[in-house]
């Protein structure tokens, strides 16, 4: 059976399509993206297909989450390619609004999720997670999904969204999906296209570092020693410029003061290679 991909670019038209799906008794799965789709995004759609009857994907490069010196204008875009990936993965309805459709006037409402938005990327990208929370809440209001699917590669973003949903009693179930990697371990990202050949080669140190420190955490080595190991290993690559290499409790993203059995920890990395900032992480349960 050939998958039919519907596409809408206005909020009103999208809501009508979703109304029709609900009237047909279908549950709604939602995959919000900024486009330039790869197999990481497709894996979210496949998860949504398994758990929902009707899959909606949004493609919207959200200006609210980009700082003044960040790469909004450079962010890769290829809508025709995205349509093909979305259709092949099993999306039923693609939402492709313009900035003017999403923000017809100056946005005066801002959602801030304290604590979980403050460390890691929140420290180096002030205001970023306010923009994420605001657009995700707006998309939830537009789509009103039963389930929403997010990738673990942006683990802090997932924690922010989960906290927002809990605090504001948003009637949606957040589904966290595993990181999808290239054969050499590099986490799939739309920003990988920015890397030149040598940067791409050296960037594999991120996954190698995560794998290396796993055993140190499992055996409960001292935290400061593990973090020093991480930084030293990444620094073996001459093009690597470390933004952060940290270990925090997950999902509240507070400091790890001691290893407690049953708790989850997030090992999080952000490293620049040339002009490209890459993030990667691993979530472990302490035994």
C-alpha atoms as a PDB file:
ATOM      1  CA  UNK A   1       0.000   0.000   0.000  1.00  0.00           C
ATOM      2  CA  UNK A   2       1.428   3.388  -1.052  1.00  0.00           C
ATOM      3  CA  UNK A   3       1.693   5.862   1.823  1.00  0.00           C
ATOM      4  CA  UNK A   4      -0.237   9.057   1.125  1.00  0.00           C
ATOM      5  CA  UNK A   5       1.404  12.162   2.557  1.00  0.00           C
ATOM      6  CA  UNK A   6      -0.862  15.116   3.239  1.00  0.00           C
ATOM      7  CA  UNK A   7       0.695  18.520   3.802  1.00  0.00           C
ATOM      8  CA  UNK A   8      -0.673  21.717   5.306  1.00  0.00           C
ATOM      9  CA  UNK A   9       1.009  25.052   5.970  1.00  0.00           C
ATOM     10  CA  UNK A  10      -1.696  26.842   7.957  1.00  0.00           C
ATOM     11  CA  UNK A  11      -2.879  26.204  11.494  1.00  0.00           C
ATOM     12  CA  UNK A  12      -6.544  26.215  10.487  1.00  0.00           C
ATOM     13  CA  UNK A  13      -6.090  23.631   7.752  1.00  0.00           C
ATOM     14  CA  UNK A  14      -3.975  21.405   9.982  1.00  0.00           C
ATOM     15  CA  UNK A  15      -6.570  21.495  12.741  1.00  0.00           C
ATOM     16  CA  UNK A  16      -9.287  20.470  10.290  1.00  0.00           C
ATOM     17  CA  UNK A  17      -7.244  17.445   9.142  1.00  0.00           C
ATOM     18  CA  UNK A  18      -6.628  16.406  12.745  1.00  0.00           C
ATOM     19  CA  UNK A  19     -10.308  16.890  13.593  1.00  0.00           C
ATOM     20  CA  UNK A  20     -11.197  14.489  10.779  1.00  0.00           C
ATOM     21  CA  UNK A  21      -8.676  11.922  12.058  1.00  0.00           C
ATOM     22  CA  UNK A  22     -10.078  12.157  15.579  1.00  0.00           C
ATOM     23  CA  UNK A  23     -13.644  11.815  14.293  1.00  0.00           C
ATOM     24  CA  UNK A  24     -12.485   8.592  12.641  1.00  0.00           C
ATOM     25  CA  UNK A  25     -11.387   7.351  16.079  1.00  0.00           C
ATOM     26  CA  UNK A  26      -7.655   7.697  15.483  1.00  0.00           C
ATOM     27  CA  UNK A  27      -5.024   8.479  18.108  1.00  0.00           C
ATOM     28  CA  UNK A  28      -2.556  11.234  17.180  1.00  0.00           C
ATOM     29  CA  UNK A  29       1.225  10.814  17.322  1.00  0.00           C
ATOM     30  CA  UNK A  30       3.344  13.938  16.846  1.00  0.00           C
ATOM     31  CA  UNK A  31       6.978  14.366  15.779  1.00  0.00           C
ATOM     32  CA  UNK A  32       8.147  18.005  15.959  1.00  0.00           C
ATOM     33  CA  UNK A  33      11.292  18.743  13.906  1.00  0.00           C
ATOM     34  CA  UNK A  34      13.254  21.579  12.344  1.00  0.00           C
ATOM     35  CA  UNK A  35      13.635  19.635   9.121  1.00  0.00           C
ATOM     36  CA  UNK A  36      16.694  18.529   7.143  1.00  0.00           C
ATOM     37  CA  UNK A  37      15.533  15.055   8.047  1.00  0.00           C
ATOM     38  CA  UNK A  38      17.783  12.035   8.529  1.00  0.00           C
ATOM     39  CA  UNK A  39      17.275   8.522   9.872  1.00  0.00           C
ATOM     40  CA  UNK A  40      17.197   9.824  13.436  1.00  0.00           C
ATOM     41  CA  UNK A  41      14.005  11.690  12.590  1.00  0.00           C
ATOM     42  CA  UNK A  42      12.695   8.702  10.626  1.00  0.00           C
ATOM     43  CA  UNK A  43      13.190   6.500  13.697  1.00  0.00           C
ATOM     44  CA  UNK A  44      10.875   8.822  15.654  1.00  0.00           C
ATOM     45  CA  UNK A  45       8.246   8.445  12.946  1.00  0.00           C
ATOM     46  CA  UNK A  46       8.603   4.666  13.011  1.00  0.00           C
ATOM     47  CA  UNK A  47       8.069   4.710  16.791  1.00  0.00           C
ATOM     48  CA  UNK A  48       5.028   6.935  16.307  1.00  0.00           C
ATOM     49  CA  UNK A  49       3.627   4.579  13.672  1.00  0.00           C
ATOM     50  CA  UNK A  50       3.833   1.706  16.145  1.00  0.00           C
ATOM     51  CA  UNK A  51       2.070   3.572  18.949  1.00  0.00           C
ATOM     52  CA  UNK A  52      -0.422   5.888  17.217  1.00  0.00           C
ATOM     53  CA  UNK A  53      -2.941   5.645  14.385  1.00  0.00           C
ATOM     54  CA  UNK A  54      -2.244   8.994  12.715  1.00  0.00           C
ATOM     55  CA  UNK A  55       1.250  10.525  12.579  1.00  0.00           C
ATOM     56  CA  UNK A  56       1.777  14.277  12.298  1.00  0.00           C
ATOM     57  CA  UNK A  57       5.216  15.771  11.700  1.00  0.00           C
ATOM     58  CA  UNK A  58       6.018  19.473  11.861  1.00  0.00           C
ATOM     59  CA  UNK A  59       8.944  21.079  10.050  1.00  0.00           C
ATOM     60  CA  UNK A  60       9.640  24.525  11.411  1.00  0.00           C
ATOM     61  CA  UNK A  61      12.971  26.251  12.004  1.00  0.00           C
ATOM     62  CA  UNK A  62      12.027  28.141  15.131  1.00  0.00           C
ATOM     63  CA  UNK A  63      13.715  31.567  15.371  1.00  0.00           C
ATOM     64  CA  UNK A  64      12.888  31.891  19.080  1.00  0.00           C
ATOM     65  CA  UNK A  65      15.471  29.269  20.028  1.00  0.00           C
ATOM     66  CA  UNK A  66      18.398  30.829  18.153  1.00  0.00           C
ATOM     67  CA  UNK A  67      20.603  33.439  19.787  1.00  0.00           C
ATOM     68  CA  UNK A  68      21.805  36.573  17.933  1.00  0.00           C
ATOM     69  CA  UNK A  69      25.143  34.989  17.013  1.00  0.00           C
ATOM     70  CA  UNK A  70      23.848  31.509  16.235  1.00  0.00           C
ATOM     71  CA  UNK A  71      23.240  29.715  12.964  1.00  0.00           C
ATOM     72  CA  UNK A  72      19.571  30.453  12.148  1.00  0.00           C
ATOM     73  CA  UNK A  73      20.382  31.669   8.633  1.00  0.00           C
ATOM     74  CA  UNK A  74      22.827  28.810   8.084  1.00  0.00           C
ATOM     75  CA  UNK A  75      20.547  26.090   9.419  1.00  0.00           C
ATOM     76  CA  UNK A  76      20.212  23.546   6.571  1.00  0.00           C
ATOM     77  CA  UNK A  77      16.882  23.371   4.791  1.00  0.00           C
ATOM     78  CA  UNK A  78      15.661  21.006   2.052  1.00  0.00           C
ATOM     79  CA  UNK A  79      11.891  20.682   2.113  1.00  0.00           C
ATOM     80  CA  UNK A  80      11.669  18.492  -0.987  1.00  0.00           C
ATOM     81  CA  UNK A  81      14.085  15.996   0.560  1.00  0.00           C
ATOM     82  CA  UNK A  82      12.148  16.198   3.831  1.00  0.00           C
ATOM     83  CA  UNK A  83       8.893  15.331   2.097  1.00  0.00           C
ATOM     84  CA  UNK A  84      10.475  12.165   0.666  1.00  0.00           C
ATOM     85  CA  UNK A  85      11.901  11.092   4.030  1.00  0.00           C
ATOM     86  CA  UNK A  86       8.627  11.828   5.814  1.00  0.00           C
ATOM     87  CA  UNK A  87       6.590   9.869   3.280  1.00  0.00           C
ATOM     88  CA  UNK A  88       8.949   6.885   3.327  1.00  0.00           C
ATOM     89  CA  UNK A  89       8.976   6.792   7.132  1.00  0.00           C
ATOM     90  CA  UNK A  90       5.176   6.783   7.332  1.00  0.00           C
ATOM     91  CA  UNK A  91       4.075  10.329   8.155  1.00  0.00           C
ATOM     92  CA  UNK A  92       0.375  10.927   7.465  1.00  0.00           C
ATOM     93  CA  UNK A  93       0.307  14.708   7.774  1.00  0.00           C
ATOM     94  CA  UNK A  94       3.186  17.144   7.343  1.00  0.00           C
ATOM     95  CA  UNK A  95       2.866  20.617   8.880  1.00  0.00           C
ATOM     96  CA  UNK A  96       5.142  23.182   7.205  1.00  0.00           C
ATOM     97  CA  UNK A  97       4.184  26.624   8.526  1.00  0.00           C
ATOM     98  CA  UNK A  98       6.012  29.853   7.752  1.00  0.00           C
ATOM     99  CA  UNK A  99       7.400  32.059  10.505  1.00  0.00           C
ATOM    100  CA  UNK A 100       4.555  34.486   9.766  1.00  0.00           C
ATOM    101  CA  UNK A 101       1.972  31.725  10.250  1.00  0.00           C
ATOM    102  CA  UNK A 102       3.439  30.661  13.591  1.00  0.00           C
ATOM    103  CA  UNK A 103       4.223  34.173  14.826  1.00  0.00           C
ATOM    104  CA  UNK A 104       1.946  36.661  13.042  1.00  0.00           C
ATOM    105  CA  UNK A 105       2.876  39.353  15.538  1.00  0.00           C
ATOM    106  CA  UNK A 106       5.579  39.916  18.126  1.00  0.00           C
ATOM    107  CA  UNK A 107       5.578  37.082  20.671  1.00  0.00           C
ATOM    108  CA  UNK A 108       4.958  38.505  24.147  1.00  0.00           C
ATOM    109  CA  UNK A 109       4.398  35.169  25.889  1.00  0.00           C
ATOM    110  CA  UNK A 110       7.478  33.226  26.897  1.00  0.00           C
ATOM    111  CA  UNK A 111       7.658  29.872  28.687  1.00  0.00           C
ATOM    112  CA  UNK A 112      10.604  29.371  31.040  1.00  0.00           C
ATOM    113  CA  UNK A 113      11.265  25.991  32.639  1.00  0.00           C
ATOM    114  CA  UNK A 114      13.614  26.644  35.552  1.00  0.00           C
ATOM    115  CA  UNK A 115      16.454  24.402  36.778  1.00  0.00           C
ATOM    116  CA  UNK A 116      16.508  21.811  33.991  1.00  0.00           C
ATOM    117  CA  UNK A 117      17.047  24.553  31.384  1.00  0.00           C
ATOM    118  CA  UNK A 118      19.925  26.214  33.232  1.00  0.00           C
ATOM    119  CA  UNK A 119      23.008  23.902  33.040  1.00  0.00           C
ATOM    120  CA  UNK A 120      24.689  22.392  29.957  1.00  0.00           C
ATOM    121  CA  UNK A 121      23.323  24.000  26.755  1.00  0.00           C
ATOM    122  CA  UNK A 122      21.282  26.447  28.813  1.00  0.00           C
ATOM    123  CA  UNK A 123      24.469  27.917  30.222  1.00  0.00           C
ATOM    124  CA  UNK A 124      26.150  28.440  26.854  1.00  0.00           C
ATOM    125  CA  UNK A 125      22.943  29.252  24.915  1.00  0.00           C
ATOM    126  CA  UNK A 126      20.959  31.627  27.151  1.00  0.00           C
ATOM    127  CA  UNK A 127      17.295  31.812  26.182  1.00  0.00           C
ATOM    128  CA  UNK A 128      17.507  28.745  23.949  1.00  0.00           C
ATOM    129  CA  UNK A 129      15.226  26.541  26.031  1.00  0.00           C
ATOM    130  CA  UNK A 130      12.722  29.349  26.530  1.00  0.00           C
ATOM    131  CA  UNK A 131      12.365  29.349  22.746  1.00  0.00           C
ATOM    132  CA  UNK A 132      12.109  25.555  22.664  1.00  0.00           C
ATOM    133  CA  UNK A 133       9.483  25.390  25.416  1.00  0.00           C
ATOM    134  CA  UNK A 134       7.437  28.179  23.856  1.00  0.00           C
ATOM    135  CA  UNK A 135       7.313  26.672  20.371  1.00  0.00           C
ATOM    136  CA  UNK A 136       6.688  23.138  21.656  1.00  0.00           C
ATOM    137  CA  UNK A 137       3.802  24.340  23.792  1.00  0.00           C
ATOM    138  CA  UNK A 138       2.376  26.223  20.804  1.00  0.00           C
ATOM    139  CA  UNK A 139       2.693  23.122  18.627  1.00  0.00           C
ATOM    140  CA  UNK A 140       1.035  21.005  21.322  1.00  0.00           C
ATOM    141  CA  UNK A 141      -1.835  23.500  21.376  1.00  0.00           C
ATOM    142  CA  UNK A 142      -2.147  23.338  17.595  1.00  0.00           C
ATOM    143  CA  UNK A 143      -1.837  19.557  17.152  1.00  0.00           C
ATOM    144  CA  UNK A 144      -3.179  18.386  20.532  1.00  0.00           C
ATOM    145  CA  UNK A 145      -1.482  15.005  20.182  1.00  0.00           C
ATOM    146  CA  UNK A 146      -1.954  11.947  22.365  1.00  0.00           C
ATOM    147  CA  UNK A 147       1.747  11.133  22.151  1.00  0.00           C
ATOM    148  CA  UNK A 148       4.796  13.215  21.162  1.00  0.00           C
ATOM    149  CA  UNK A 149       8.128  11.703  20.179  1.00  0.00           C
ATOM    150  CA  UNK A 150      11.535  13.226  20.970  1.00  0.00           C
ATOM    151  CA  UNK A 151      15.048  11.895  20.431  1.00  0.00           C
ATOM    152  CA  UNK A 152      17.433  11.330  23.341  1.00  0.00           C
ATOM    153  CA  UNK A 153      20.227  13.107  21.466  1.00  0.00           C
ATOM    154  CA  UNK A 154      18.725  16.333  22.787  1.00  0.00           C
ATOM    155  CA  UNK A 155      18.367  14.860  26.278  1.00  0.00           C
ATOM    156  CA  UNK A 156      18.169  18.238  27.985  1.00  0.00           C
ATOM    157  CA  UNK A 157      15.428  19.321  25.591  1.00  0.00           C
ATOM    158  CA  UNK A 158      13.465  16.171  26.466  1.00  0.00           C
ATOM    159  CA  UNK A 159      13.884  16.929  30.187  1.00  0.00           C
ATOM    160  CA  UNK A 160      12.653  20.495  29.650  1.00  0.00           C
ATOM    161  CA  UNK A 161       9.600  19.335  27.683  1.00  0.00           C
ATOM    162  CA  UNK A 162       8.769  16.595  30.195  1.00  0.00           C
ATOM    163  CA  UNK A 163       8.991  19.074  33.079  1.00  0.00           C
ATOM    164  CA  UNK A 164       6.787  21.581  31.237  1.00  0.00           C
ATOM    165  CA  UNK A 165       4.181  18.907  30.498  1.00  0.00           C
ATOM    166  CA  UNK A 166       4.105  17.788  34.138  1.00  0.00           C
ATOM    167  CA  UNK A 167       3.981  21.304  35.573  1.00  0.00           C
ATOM    168  CA  UNK A 168       1.255  22.554  33.233  1.00  0.00           C
ATOM    169  CA  UNK A 169      -0.764  19.304  33.105  1.00  0.00           C
ATOM    170  CA  UNK A 170      -0.538  19.125  29.317  1.00  0.00           C
ATOM    171  CA  UNK A 171      -2.518  16.047  28.181  1.00  0.00           C
ATOM    172  CA  UNK A 172       0.218  14.450  26.095  1.00  0.00           C
ATOM    173  CA  UNK A 173       2.509  11.492  26.703  1.00  0.00           C
ATOM    174  CA  UNK A 174       6.171  12.234  25.933  1.00  0.00           C
ATOM    175  CA  UNK A 175       8.023   9.301  24.367  1.00  0.00           C
ATOM    176  CA  UNK A 176      11.825   9.448  24.544  1.00  0.00           C
ATOM    177  CA  UNK A 177      13.478   7.564  21.675  1.00  0.00           C
ATOM    178  CA  UNK A 178      17.097   6.303  21.487  1.00  0.00           C
ATOM    179  CA  UNK A 179      19.932   8.092  19.677  1.00  0.00           C
ATOM    180  CA  UNK A 180      20.487   6.925  16.108  1.00  0.00           C
ATOM    181  CA  UNK A 181      24.155   6.803  15.099  1.00  0.00           C
ATOM    182  CA  UNK A 182      26.290   6.525  12.000  1.00  0.00           C
ATOM    183  CA  UNK A 183      28.335   3.326  11.580  1.00  0.00           C
ATOM    184  CA  UNK A 184      31.334   4.970  13.271  1.00  0.00           C
ATOM    185  CA  UNK A 185      29.254   6.061  16.273  1.00  0.00           C
ATOM    186  CA  UNK A 186      28.690   9.735  15.442  1.00  0.00           C
ATOM    187  CA  UNK A 187      25.192  10.748  16.524  1.00  0.00           C
ATOM    188  CA  UNK A 188      23.028  11.681  13.549  1.00  0.00           C
ATOM    189  CA  UNK A 189      22.405  15.430  13.415  1.00  0.00           C
ATOM    190  CA  UNK A 190      21.293  17.943  10.817  1.00  0.00           C
ATOM    191  CA  UNK A 191      24.401  19.945  11.728  1.00  0.00           C
ATOM    192  CA  UNK A 192      26.777  17.139  10.701  1.00  0.00           C
ATOM    193  CA  UNK A 193      26.547  18.506   7.153  1.00  0.00           C
ATOM    194  CA  UNK A 194      28.624  21.496   8.294  1.00  0.00           C
ATOM    195  CA  UNK A 195      31.655  19.343   9.126  1.00  0.00           C
ATOM    196  CA  UNK A 196      34.544  19.117   6.689  1.00  0.00           C
ATOM    197  CA  UNK A 197      36.286  15.778   6.161  1.00  0.00           C
ATOM    198  CA  UNK A 198      38.855  16.178   8.962  1.00  0.00           C
ATOM    199  CA  UNK A 199      36.311  17.604  11.441  1.00  0.00           C
ATOM    200  CA  UNK A 200      33.961  14.730  10.659  1.00  0.00           C
ATOM    201  CA  UNK A 201      36.756  12.222  11.311  1.00  0.00           C
ATOM    202  CA  UNK A 202      37.753  13.793  14.627  1.00  0.00           C
ATOM    203  CA  UNK A 203      34.144  14.152  15.803  1.00  0.00           C
ATOM    204  CA  UNK A 204      33.933  10.392  16.392  1.00  0.00           C
ATOM    205  CA  UNK A 205      35.856  11.047  19.627  1.00  0.00           C
ATOM    206  CA  UNK A 206      32.532  11.995  21.262  1.00  0.00           C
ATOM    207  CA  UNK A 207      31.070   8.509  21.069  1.00  0.00           C
ATOM    208  CA  UNK A 208      34.434   6.929  21.887  1.00  0.00           C
ATOM    209  CA  UNK A 209      34.600   9.067  25.026  1.00  0.00           C
ATOM    210  CA  UNK A 210      31.093   8.088  26.125  1.00  0.00           C
ATOM    211  CA  UNK A 211      31.920   4.422  25.654  1.00  0.00           C
ATOM    212  CA  UNK A 212      35.197   4.799  27.538  1.00  0.00           C
ATOM    213  CA  UNK A 213      33.690   6.389  30.648  1.00  0.00           C
ATOM    214  CA  UNK A 214      30.803   3.927  30.895  1.00  0.00           C
ATOM    215  CA  UNK A 215      32.869   1.383  32.836  1.00  0.00           C
ATOM    216  CA  UNK A 216      34.201   4.105  35.155  1.00  0.00           C
ATOM    217  CA  UNK A 217      30.647   5.070  36.089  1.00  0.00           C
ATOM    218  CA  UNK A 218      29.493   1.462  36.435  1.00  0.00           C
ATOM    219  CA  UNK A 219      32.355   0.858  38.896  1.00  0.00           C
ATOM    220  CA  UNK A 220      31.549   4.161  40.663  1.00  0.00           C
ATOM    221  CA  UNK A 221      34.913   5.861  40.202  1.00  0.00           C
ATOM    222  CA  UNK A 222      35.236   9.406  41.644  1.00  0.00           C
ATOM    223  CA  UNK A 223      33.222  11.920  39.631  1.00  0.00           C
ATOM    224  CA  UNK A 224      36.033  14.464  39.203  1.00  0.00           C
ATOM    225  CA  UNK A 225      38.335  11.735  37.892  1.00  0.00           C
ATOM    226  CA  UNK A 226      35.764  10.616  35.302  1.00  0.00           C
ATOM    227  CA  UNK A 227      35.163  14.171  34.080  1.00  0.00           C
ATOM    228  CA  UNK A 228      38.921  14.737  33.786  1.00  0.00           C
ATOM    229  CA  UNK A 229      39.156  11.502  31.753  1.00  0.00           C
ATOM    230  CA  UNK A 230      36.426  12.733  29.431  1.00  0.00           C
ATOM    231  CA  UNK A 231      38.075  16.093  28.824  1.00  0.00           C
ATOM    232  CA  UNK A 232      41.517  14.574  28.351  1.00  0.00           C
ATOM    233  CA  UNK A 233      40.225  12.059  25.820  1.00  0.00           C
ATOM    234  CA  UNK A 234      38.339  14.664  23.775  1.00  0.00           C
ATOM    235  CA  UNK A 235      41.388  16.950  23.845  1.00  0.00           C
ATOM    236  CA  UNK A 236      43.450  14.332  22.004  1.00  0.00           C
ATOM    237  CA  UNK A 237      41.731  15.647  18.858  1.00  0.00           C
ATOM    238  CA  UNK A 238      43.356  18.967  17.865  1.00  0.00           C
ATOM    239  CA  UNK A 239      40.198  20.468  16.332  1.00  0.00           C
ATOM    240  CA  UNK A 240      38.020  19.742  19.374  1.00  0.00           C
ATOM    241  CA  UNK A 241      36.988  22.783  21.447  1.00  0.00           C
ATOM    242  CA  UNK A 242      35.071  21.620  24.536  1.00  0.00           C
ATOM    243  CA  UNK A 243      31.987  23.598  25.544  1.00  0.00           C
ATOM    244  CA  UNK A 244      31.116  21.190  28.340  1.00  0.00           C
ATOM    245  CA  UNK A 245      31.691  17.616  29.505  1.00  0.00           C
ATOM    246  CA  UNK A 246      29.489  16.962  32.525  1.00  0.00           C
ATOM    247  CA  UNK A 247      27.652  14.290  34.481  1.00  0.00           C
ATOM    248  CA  UNK A 248      24.343  15.248  36.091  1.00  0.00           C
ATOM    249  CA  UNK A 249      21.380  13.446  37.599  1.00  0.00           C
ATOM    250  CA  UNK A 250      18.629  12.794  35.068  1.00  0.00           C
ATOM    251  CA  UNK A 251      16.040  14.090  34.426  1.00  0.00           C
ATOM    252  CA  UNK A 252      16.258  16.906  37.001  1.00  0.00           C
ATOM    253  CA  UNK A 253      19.820  17.828  35.858  1.00  0.00           C
ATOM    254  CA  UNK A 254      21.099  18.514  39.354  1.00  0.00           C
ATOM    255  CA  UNK A 255      24.634  17.812  40.578  1.00  0.00           C
ATOM    256  CA  UNK A 256      25.752  14.260  41.297  1.00  0.00           C
ATOM    257  CA  UNK A 257      27.035  14.342  44.890  1.00  0.00           C
ATOM    258  CA  UNK A 258      27.346  10.589  45.301  1.00  0.00           C
ATOM    259  CA  UNK A 259      26.555   7.487  43.272  1.00  0.00           C
ATOM    260  CA  UNK A 260      23.118   6.232  44.359  1.00  0.00           C
ATOM    261  CA  UNK A 261      21.836   2.866  43.180  1.00  0.00           C
ATOM    262  CA  UNK A 262      18.739   3.140  41.030  1.00  0.00           C
ATOM    263  CA  UNK A 263      19.324   6.773  40.030  1.00  0.00           C
ATOM    264  CA  UNK A 264      19.845   7.784  36.417  1.00  0.00           C
ATOM    265  CA  UNK A 265      22.726  10.006  35.354  1.00  0.00           C
ATOM    266  CA  UNK A 266      23.279  11.905  32.123  1.00  0.00           C
ATOM    267  CA  UNK A 267      26.785  12.006  30.657  1.00  0.00           C
ATOM    268  CA  UNK A 268      26.606  15.041  28.372  1.00  0.00           C
ATOM    269  CA  UNK A 269      29.073  16.483  25.879  1.00  0.00           C
ATOM    270  CA  UNK A 270      29.079  19.606  23.720  1.00  0.00           C
ATOM    271  CA  UNK A 271      32.136  20.158  21.556  1.00  0.00           C
ATOM    272  CA  UNK A 272      32.895  22.470  18.651  1.00  0.00           C
ATOM    273  CA  UNK A 273      34.723  21.265  15.578  1.00  0.00           C
ATOM    274  CA  UNK A 274      35.435  24.368  13.533  1.00  0.00           C
ATOM    275  CA  UNK A 275      32.187  26.374  13.404  1.00  0.00           C
ATOM    276  CA  UNK A 276      30.023  23.338  14.197  1.00  0.00           C
ATOM    277  CA  UNK A 277      28.823  22.614  17.730  1.00  0.00           C
ATOM    278  CA  UNK A 278      27.943  18.965  18.310  1.00  0.00           C
ATOM    279  CA  UNK A 279      26.201  17.424  21.308  1.00  0.00           C
ATOM    280  CA  UNK A 280      26.071  13.809  22.438  1.00  0.00           C
ATOM    281  CA  UNK A 281      25.105  11.971  25.592  1.00  0.00           C
ATOM    282  CA  UNK A 282      24.515   8.710  27.387  1.00  0.00           C
ATOM    283  CA  UNK A 283      21.974   7.965  30.130  1.00  0.00           C
ATOM    284  CA  UNK A 284      22.976   5.304  32.670  1.00  0.00           C
ATOM    285  CA  UNK A 285      21.190   3.787  35.657  1.00  0.00           C
ATOM    286  CA  UNK A 286      23.506   3.365  38.644  1.00  0.00           C
ATOM    287  CA  UNK A 287      23.523  -0.234  39.833  1.00  0.00           C
END
